[in-house]
Protein backbone atom coordinates (compact mmCIF):
# COMPACT_ATOMS: atom_id res chain seq x y z
CA UNK A 1 0.00 0.00 0.00
CA UNK A 2 2.96 2.35 0.45
CA UNK A 3 3.10 2.78 -3.34
CA UNK A 4 -0.59 3.66 -3.81
CA UNK A 5 0.00 7.37 -4.44
CA UNK A 6 2.73 6.54 -6.97
CA UNK A 7 0.45 4.15 -8.86
CA UNK A 8 -2.35 6.72 -8.92
CA UNK A 9 0.04 9.13 -10.65
CA UNK A 10 1.29 6.51 -13.10
CA UNK A 11 -2.20 5.26 -13.86
CA UNK A 12 -3.46 8.77 -14.49
CA UNK A 13 -0.75 9.73 -16.98
CA UNK A 14 0.08 6.45 -18.76
CA UNK A 15 -2.74 6.32 -21.33
CA UNK A 16 -2.74 10.11 -22.02
CA UNK A 17 1.04 9.94 -22.58
CA UNK A 18 0.77 7.05 -25.03
CA UNK A 19 -2.09 8.65 -26.96
CA UNK A 20 -0.18 11.95 -27.14
CA UNK A 21 1.51 10.35 -30.15
CA UNK A 22 -1.82 9.83 -31.94
CA UNK A 23 -1.37 10.97 -35.57
CA UNK A 24 -4.38 13.29 -35.35
CA UNK A 25 -3.64 14.83 -31.96
CA UNK A 26 0.19 15.05 -32.24
CA UNK A 27 0.55 16.51 -28.76
CA UNK A 28 4.09 15.14 -28.61
CA UNK A 29 5.22 17.80 -31.09
CA UNK A 30 4.48 20.44 -28.45
CA UNK A 31 5.91 18.58 -25.45
CA UNK A 32 8.55 21.26 -24.82
CA UNK A 33 5.86 23.91 -24.35
CA UNK A 34 3.73 21.59 -22.27
CA UNK A 35 6.56 20.75 -19.89
CA UNK A 36 7.53 24.41 -19.63
CA UNK A 37 3.92 25.16 -18.65
CA UNK A 38 3.98 22.35 -16.08
CA UNK A 39 7.17 23.67 -14.51
CA UNK A 40 5.95 27.28 -14.31
CA UNK A 41 2.67 26.15 -12.77
CA UNK A 42 4.63 24.14 -10.22
CA UNK A 43 6.49 27.34 -9.31
CA UNK A 44 3.13 28.66 -8.08
CA UNK A 45 1.67 25.53 -6.54
CA UNK A 46 4.69 23.83 -4.94
CA UNK A 47 5.59 26.66 -2.50
CA UNK A 48 1.91 26.89 -1.56
CA UNK A 49 1.91 23.12 -0.99
CA UNK A 50 5.06 23.22 1.12
CA UNK A 51 3.80 26.07 3.32
CA UNK A 52 0.42 24.40 3.88
CA UNK A 53 2.10 21.10 4.72
CA UNK A 54 4.55 22.66 7.19
CA UNK A 55 1.71 24.53 8.94
CA UNK A 56 -0.60 21.52 9.12
CA UNK A 57 -3.30 22.83 6.80
CA UNK A 58 -3.02 19.49 5.03
CA UNK A 59 -0.66 16.56 5.21
CA UNK A 60 0.19 13.11 3.89
CA UNK A 61 -0.29 9.65 5.31
CA UNK A 62 3.12 7.87 5.28
CA UNK A 63 1.37 4.52 4.82
CA UNK A 64 0.66 5.39 1.20
CA UNK A 65 3.92 6.82 -0.17
CA UNK A 66 7.49 5.59 -0.56
CA UNK A 67 8.96 7.85 2.13
CA UNK A 68 11.08 10.07 -0.11
CA UNK A 69 10.54 13.74 0.71
CA UNK A 70 11.71 16.93 -1.00
CA UNK A 71 11.06 20.16 0.93
CA UNK A 72 8.59 18.38 3.23
CA UNK A 73 6.59 16.99 0.29
CA UNK A 74 6.50 13.32 -0.72
CA UNK A 75 8.06 12.57 -4.10
CA UNK A 76 4.62 11.45 -5.26
CA UNK A 77 3.21 14.91 -4.54
CA UNK A 78 5.79 16.44 -6.88
CA UNK A 79 4.83 13.89 -9.52
CA UNK A 80 1.18 14.82 -9.00
CA UNK A 81 1.84 18.28 -10.48
CA UNK A 82 3.28 16.65 -13.61
CA UNK A 83 1.06 13.62 -14.12
CA UNK A 84 -2.39 15.04 -13.35
CA UNK A 85 -2.09 18.32 -15.33
CA UNK A 86 -0.53 16.42 -18.24
CA UNK A 87 -3.50 14.06 -18.29
CA UNK A 88 -5.92 16.98 -18.08
CA UNK A 89 -4.27 18.95 -20.88
CA UNK A 90 -4.42 15.81 -23.02
CA UNK A 91 -8.09 15.32 -22.15
CA UNK A 92 -8.90 18.92 -23.08
CA UNK A 93 -7.40 18.66 -26.56
CA UNK A 94 -8.62 15.10 -27.15
CA UNK A 95 -12.17 16.26 -26.47
CA UNK A 96 -11.76 19.19 -28.85
CA UNK A 97 -10.35 16.86 -31.51
CA UNK A 98 -13.47 14.70 -31.50
CA UNK A 99 -15.96 17.37 -30.46
CA UNK A 100 -14.68 20.63 -32.03
CA UNK A 101 -17.98 22.41 -31.40
CA UNK A 102 -17.82 21.71 -27.66
CA UNK A 103 -17.86 25.31 -26.47
CA UNK A 104 -20.01 28.03 -24.94
CA UNK A 105 -20.93 31.21 -26.74
CA UNK A 106 -18.91 34.32 -25.94
CA UNK A 107 -21.74 35.83 -23.92
CA UNK A 108 -22.41 32.60 -22.00
CA UNK A 109 -18.70 32.30 -21.22
CA UNK A 110 -18.67 35.79 -19.73
CA UNK A 111 -21.76 35.08 -17.64
CA UNK A 112 -20.30 31.86 -16.28
CA UNK A 113 -16.99 33.58 -15.51
CA UNK A 114 -18.67 36.50 -13.74
CA UNK A 115 -20.97 34.25 -11.73
CA UNK A 116 -18.07 32.01 -10.72
CA UNK A 117 -15.94 34.97 -9.62
CA UNK A 118 -18.85 36.52 -7.72
CA UNK A 119 -19.46 33.30 -5.80
CA UNK A 120 -15.77 32.92 -4.98
CA UNK A 121 -15.49 36.57 -3.90
CA UNK A 122 -18.54 36.19 -1.64
CA UNK A 123 -17.07 33.10 0.01
CA UNK A 124 -13.71 34.81 0.47
CA UNK A 125 -15.25 37.79 2.27
CA UNK A 126 -16.90 35.55 4.86
CA UNK A 127 -14.05 33.06 5.24
CA UNK A 128 -10.86 35.10 5.52
CA UNK A 129 -9.81 33.00 8.52
CA UNK A 130 -9.75 29.77 6.48
CA UNK A 131 -6.44 29.63 4.66
CA UNK A 132 -7.22 26.93 2.10
CA UNK A 133 -10.44 28.64 1.09
CA UNK A 134 -8.84 32.09 1.05
CA UNK A 135 -5.72 31.31 -0.99
CA UNK A 136 -7.45 28.86 -3.30
CA UNK A 137 -10.39 31.07 -4.25
CA UNK A 138 -8.24 34.21 -4.40
CA UNK A 139 -5.98 32.64 -7.02
CA UNK A 140 -8.90 31.49 -9.17
CA UNK A 141 -10.36 34.99 -9.58
CA UNK A 142 -7.41 36.84 -11.21
CA UNK A 143 -6.59 33.72 -13.24
CA UNK A 144 -10.12 33.74 -14.66
CA UNK A 145 -9.90 37.48 -15.38
CA UNK A 146 -6.53 37.04 -17.10
CA UNK A 147 -7.82 34.23 -19.30
CA UNK A 148 -11.06 36.05 -20.08
CA UNK A 149 -9.07 39.06 -21.24
CA UNK A 150 -6.24 37.41 -23.16
CA UNK A 151 -7.64 34.07 -24.28
CA UNK A 152 -11.45 34.01 -24.02
CA UNK A 153 -11.65 31.20 -26.59
CA UNK A 154 -9.86 28.94 -24.11
CA UNK A 155 -12.53 29.58 -21.49
CA UNK A 156 -15.28 28.94 -24.04
CA UNK A 157 -14.00 25.38 -24.36
CA UNK A 158 -12.57 24.90 -20.87
CA UNK A 159 -15.78 25.54 -18.95
CA UNK A 160 -17.19 22.45 -20.70
CA UNK A 161 -14.11 20.23 -20.90
CA UNK A 162 -13.49 20.83 -17.19
CA UNK A 163 -16.87 19.26 -16.44
CA UNK A 164 -15.66 16.11 -18.19
CA UNK A 165 -12.35 16.22 -16.32
CA UNK A 166 -14.25 16.28 -13.04
CA UNK A 167 -15.18 12.62 -13.61
CA UNK A 168 -11.61 11.22 -13.31
CA UNK A 169 -10.91 13.98 -10.78
CA UNK A 170 -13.58 12.62 -8.44
CA UNK A 171 -12.15 9.11 -8.83
CA UNK A 172 -8.46 9.95 -8.24
CA UNK A 173 -9.07 12.63 -5.63
CA UNK A 174 -11.67 10.44 -4.00
CA UNK A 175 -9.03 7.77 -3.41
CA UNK A 176 -6.53 10.37 -2.18
CA UNK A 177 -9.02 11.69 0.36
CA UNK A 178 -10.08 8.29 1.66
CA UNK A 179 -12.79 6.89 -0.59
CA UNK A 180 -12.66 3.09 -0.99
CA UNK A 181 -9.53 2.73 1.18
CA UNK A 182 -9.05 2.39 4.93
CA UNK A 183 -7.38 5.76 5.54
CA UNK A 184 -6.92 8.89 3.44
CA UNK A 185 -3.68 9.48 1.51
CA UNK A 186 -4.04 13.25 1.95
CA UNK A 187 -5.68 14.65 5.10
CA UNK A 188 -7.08 18.15 5.59
CA UNK A 189 -7.42 20.39 8.62
CA UNK A 190 -11.13 21.29 8.39
CA UNK A 191 -10.57 24.43 10.45
CA UNK A 192 -8.83 25.86 7.36
CA UNK A 193 -11.55 25.09 4.81
CA UNK A 194 -15.33 25.36 4.50
CA UNK A 195 -15.84 21.88 5.93
CA UNK A 196 -18.02 20.93 2.96
CA UNK A 197 -17.20 17.63 1.30
CA UNK A 198 -18.23 16.01 -1.97
CA UNK A 199 -18.04 12.50 -0.64
CA UNK A 200 -14.60 12.61 0.95
CA UNK A 201 -13.33 15.50 -1.22
CA UNK A 202 -13.22 19.06 0.20
CA UNK A 203 -15.21 21.37 -2.07
CA UNK A 204 -12.14 23.61 -2.36
CA UNK A 205 -10.33 20.86 -4.26
CA UNK A 206 -12.56 21.43 -7.29
CA UNK A 207 -11.41 25.06 -7.51
CA UNK A 208 -7.83 23.97 -6.85
CA UNK A 209 -8.11 21.65 -9.87
CA UNK A 210 -9.77 24.41 -11.90
CA UNK A 211 -6.88 26.83 -11.29
CA UNK A 212 -4.13 24.26 -11.75
CA UNK A 213 -5.49 22.97 -15.06
CA UNK A 214 -6.47 26.39 -16.42
CA UNK A 215 -3.04 27.84 -15.60
CA UNK A 216 -1.34 25.00 -17.48
CA UNK A 217 -3.62 25.41 -20.49
CA UNK A 218 -3.26 29.19 -20.56
CA UNK A 219 0.55 29.00 -20.46
CA UNK A 220 0.66 26.12 -22.95
CA UNK A 221 -1.44 27.99 -25.50
CA UNK A 222 0.57 31.16 -24.91
CA UNK A 223 3.89 29.40 -25.57
CA UNK A 224 2.82 27.05 -28.36
CA UNK A 225 1.10 29.80 -30.34
């Protein structure tokens, strides 16, 4: 069981990596831009992860990882920021390959973005003492504004492809937070979040995934264009 987190990472990325060489998708031709995007996104998320781990806002069950740590984080947590976003970027473009019309109108995209930001801002105002909620939701708002201004077409597609990505997200993150296993791989201090769970998954994790994936896609499209 001490390799469970590692196998979740490998299982998540293996098929997307292999199909990145599909002759129609040809994602492999843009690997250098994708990995640059992954690294830059890690520059944002890894320090956040380290600080939250050190201060007990979340933590990791040693029963489920190999025991190798880098800056207080398990090796598998570092791999998470490579494997999961890679799989999500692949999923986004694979969906667009087979469903090119999968997008919202420009006006609908703006409405969704504004409503999302309004909800997040409202929750921030009333939960400034909860660090996971505060930092997580605060990042999502300027990231959405930036994308809406500089690459609105990305949001037109992403708001729909993200809904599809939530399916594997609930499976993988469900296991990480304790679904179907005896103990959770990642534990959370509920005093630092809203205390609302989707099964075993804190509701904040959905916005965390939203920001992490959108940041990778935004950077990837910026570089590869």
